[in-house]
Structure formats: structure tokens, C-alpha cells
N, C-alpha and C. Protein backbone atom coordinates (compact mmCIF):
# COMPACT_ATOMS: atom_id res chain seq x y z
N UNK A 1 0.86 -0.98 0.01
CA UNK A 1 0.21 -0.10 0.10
C UNK A 1 0.86 1.31 0.00
N UNK A 2 0.48 2.12 -0.82
CA UNK A 2 1.29 3.50 -0.84
C UNK A 2 0.32 4.48 -0.34
N UNK A 3 0.92 5.76 -0.09
CA UNK A 3 0.07 6.96 0.34
C UNK A 3 0.56 8.02 -0.62
N UNK A 4 -0.54 8.65 -1.33
CA UNK A 4 -0.13 9.76 -2.03
C UNK A 4 -0.76 11.02 -1.55
N UNK A 5 -0.16 12.10 -1.32
CA UNK A 5 -0.85 13.27 -0.74
C UNK A 5 -0.69 14.29 -2.04
N UNK A 6 -1.68 15.01 -2.42
CA UNK A 6 -1.65 16.17 -3.31
C UNK A 6 -2.56 17.27 -2.98
N UNK A 7 -2.07 18.28 -3.40
CA UNK A 7 -3.00 19.53 -3.16
C UNK A 7 -3.20 20.07 -4.46
N UNK A 8 -4.56 19.99 -4.66
CA UNK A 8 -5.08 20.42 -6.00
C UNK A 8 -6.24 21.44 -5.89
N UNK A 9 -6.46 22.03 -6.98
CA UNK A 9 -7.55 23.01 -6.94
C UNK A 9 -8.93 22.29 -7.16
N UNK A 10 -9.87 22.71 -6.49
CA UNK A 10 -11.22 22.13 -6.41
C UNK A 10 -11.84 21.79 -7.86
N UNK A 11 -11.55 22.61 -8.62
CA UNK A 11 -12.05 22.39 -10.08
C UNK A 11 -11.52 21.14 -10.96
N UNK A 12 -10.12 20.80 -10.32
CA UNK A 12 -9.67 19.70 -11.14
C UNK A 12 -9.84 18.38 -10.36
N UNK A 13 -10.64 18.24 -9.09
CA UNK A 13 -10.98 17.17 -8.55
C UNK A 13 -11.43 15.98 -9.32
N UNK A 14 -12.46 16.27 -10.39
CA UNK A 14 -13.08 15.23 -10.98
C UNK A 14 -12.16 14.71 -11.95
N UNK A 15 -11.33 15.54 -12.56
CA UNK A 15 -10.31 15.25 -13.73
C UNK A 15 -9.28 14.04 -12.92
N UNK A 16 -8.87 14.63 -11.85
CA UNK A 16 -7.68 13.61 -11.02
C UNK A 16 -8.52 12.54 -10.70
N UNK A 17 -9.54 12.55 -10.12
CA UNK A 17 -10.32 11.30 -9.69
C UNK A 17 -10.40 10.40 -10.82
N UNK A 18 -10.90 10.91 -12.08
CA UNK A 18 -10.79 9.90 -13.32
C UNK A 18 -9.84 9.23 -13.65
N UNK A 19 -8.52 10.01 -13.52
CA UNK A 19 -7.14 9.75 -14.20
C UNK A 19 -6.71 8.61 -13.00
N UNK A 20 -7.09 8.63 -11.86
CA UNK A 20 -6.50 7.71 -10.69
C UNK A 20 -7.50 6.41 -11.05
N UNK A 21 -8.71 6.52 -11.24
CA UNK A 21 -9.58 5.35 -11.53
C UNK A 21 -8.92 4.54 -12.72
N UNK A 22 -8.56 5.29 -13.79
CA UNK A 22 -8.01 4.63 -14.84
C UNK A 22 -6.68 3.77 -14.64
N UNK A 23 -6.01 4.30 -13.32
CA UNK A 23 -4.83 3.74 -13.00
C UNK A 23 -5.01 2.64 -11.97
N UNK A 24 -6.44 2.32 -11.74
CA UNK A 24 -6.72 1.17 -10.74
C UNK A 24 -6.88 1.84 -9.24
N UNK A 25 -6.71 3.09 -9.13
CA UNK A 25 -6.93 3.72 -7.74
C UNK A 25 -8.59 3.84 -7.69
N UNK A 26 -9.11 3.15 -6.73
CA UNK A 26 -10.62 3.37 -6.75
C UNK A 26 -11.06 4.02 -5.41
N UNK A 27 -10.19 4.27 -4.45
CA UNK A 27 -10.47 5.06 -3.33
C UNK A 27 -9.64 6.16 -3.00
N UNK A 28 -10.38 7.24 -2.35
CA UNK A 28 -9.46 8.50 -1.90
C UNK A 28 -10.23 9.22 -0.99
N UNK A 29 -9.60 10.05 -0.29
CA UNK A 29 -10.15 10.92 0.83
C UNK A 29 -9.83 12.26 0.29
N UNK A 30 -10.92 13.11 0.63
CA UNK A 30 -10.75 14.56 0.02
C UNK A 30 -10.98 15.29 1.17
N UNK A 31 -10.27 16.41 1.36
CA UNK A 31 -10.19 17.35 2.49
C UNK A 31 -10.04 18.78 1.93
N UNK A 32 -11.09 19.73 2.37
CA UNK A 32 -10.85 20.87 1.89
C UNK A 32 -10.07 21.57 2.81
N UNK A 33 -9.18 22.28 2.39
CA UNK A 33 -7.96 23.11 3.06
C UNK A 33 -8.01 24.53 2.76
N UNK A 34 -7.36 25.31 3.50
CA UNK A 34 -7.16 26.72 3.50
C UNK A 34 -5.74 27.07 3.71
N UNK A 35 -4.92 28.04 3.23
CA UNK A 35 -3.58 28.27 3.44
C UNK A 35 -3.44 29.67 3.13
N UNK A 36 -2.20 30.24 3.26
CA UNK A 36 -1.74 31.56 2.92
C UNK A 36 -0.26 31.35 2.38
N UNK A 37 0.01 32.40 1.49
CA UNK A 37 1.54 32.48 0.98
C UNK A 37 1.71 33.89 0.71
N UNK A 38 1.84 34.02 -0.62
CA UNK A 38 2.38 35.41 -1.00
C UNK A 38 1.20 36.50 -0.88
N UNK A 39 0.04 35.98 -1.04
CA UNK A 39 -1.00 36.94 -0.76
C UNK A 39 -1.12 37.35 0.50
N UNK A 40 -1.32 38.71 0.85
CA UNK A 40 -1.34 39.21 2.19
C UNK A 40 -2.54 39.15 2.83
N UNK A 41 -3.76 38.87 2.12
CA UNK A 41 -4.92 38.67 2.81
C UNK A 41 -5.42 40.16 2.61
N UNK A 42 -6.75 40.19 3.25
CA UNK A 42 -7.46 41.58 3.32
C UNK A 42 -8.40 41.77 4.51
N UNK A 43 -8.87 42.78 4.65
CA UNK A 43 -9.59 43.31 5.67
C UNK A 43 -11.21 43.29 5.39
N UNK A 44 -11.98 42.81 6.35
CA UNK A 44 -13.45 42.47 5.77
C UNK A 44 -14.08 43.35 7.26
N UNK A 45 -15.24 43.82 6.92
CA UNK A 45 -16.05 44.24 8.03
C UNK A 45 -17.37 43.38 8.26
N UNK A 46 -17.62 42.97 9.31
CA UNK A 46 -18.66 42.08 9.67
C UNK A 46 -19.48 42.53 10.78
N UNK A 47 -20.71 42.99 10.81
CA UNK A 47 -21.51 43.64 11.84
C UNK A 47 -20.69 44.73 12.60
N UNK A 48 -20.06 45.62 11.73
CA UNK A 48 -19.43 46.57 12.33
C UNK A 48 -18.02 46.31 12.89
N UNK A 49 -17.68 45.20 12.74
CA UNK A 49 -16.25 44.85 13.47
C UNK A 49 -15.47 44.56 12.18
N UNK A 50 -14.04 44.92 12.36
CA UNK A 50 -13.13 44.60 11.24
C UNK A 50 -12.29 43.58 11.46
N UNK A 51 -12.11 42.65 10.55
CA UNK A 51 -11.42 41.42 10.70
C UNK A 51 -10.37 41.42 9.56
N UNK A 52 -9.33 40.59 9.78
CA UNK A 52 -8.21 40.48 8.75
C UNK A 52 -8.31 39.20 8.36
N UNK A 53 -8.46 38.89 6.83
CA UNK A 53 -8.75 37.51 6.41
C UNK A 53 -7.21 37.09 6.00
N UNK A 54 -6.62 36.25 6.79
CA UNK A 54 -5.37 35.86 6.21
C UNK A 54 -5.28 34.67 5.31
N UNK A 55 -6.47 33.59 5.83
CA UNK A 55 -6.40 32.32 4.92
C UNK A 55 -7.13 32.65 3.55
N UNK A 56 -6.89 32.16 2.31
CA UNK A 56 -7.47 32.71 1.09
C UNK A 56 -7.87 31.08 0.38
């Protein structure tokens, strides 16, 4: 058994799933993740309070 970890964009999920199925991989676990990098985030107002959104 081998474990493969991949971070892909959500719109590519179906294409990746189909390619894995063609290779004989019939099971996978999908987890939605958020992260940050070069983007600095932004500030939002919610109910009069200001919040910094770092994870995009």
C-alpha cells in the first residue's frame, strides 16, 4: 500500500479522480484546506467589526 498526498484546485478534482480510476485507484479521501502564502490577505467588515482575512 502506498500513500499519495496531493494539493489540487477544487475544479480539478473530477479530472484527477478519473485519472486515478484509470490507473486502478478506486478510493480516495478529500479534505478541503485553506492556506496562505504570497497573498497578504485583506480586511473585511462584519457587523461593524473589522477582521483580517489571512487564509484565502
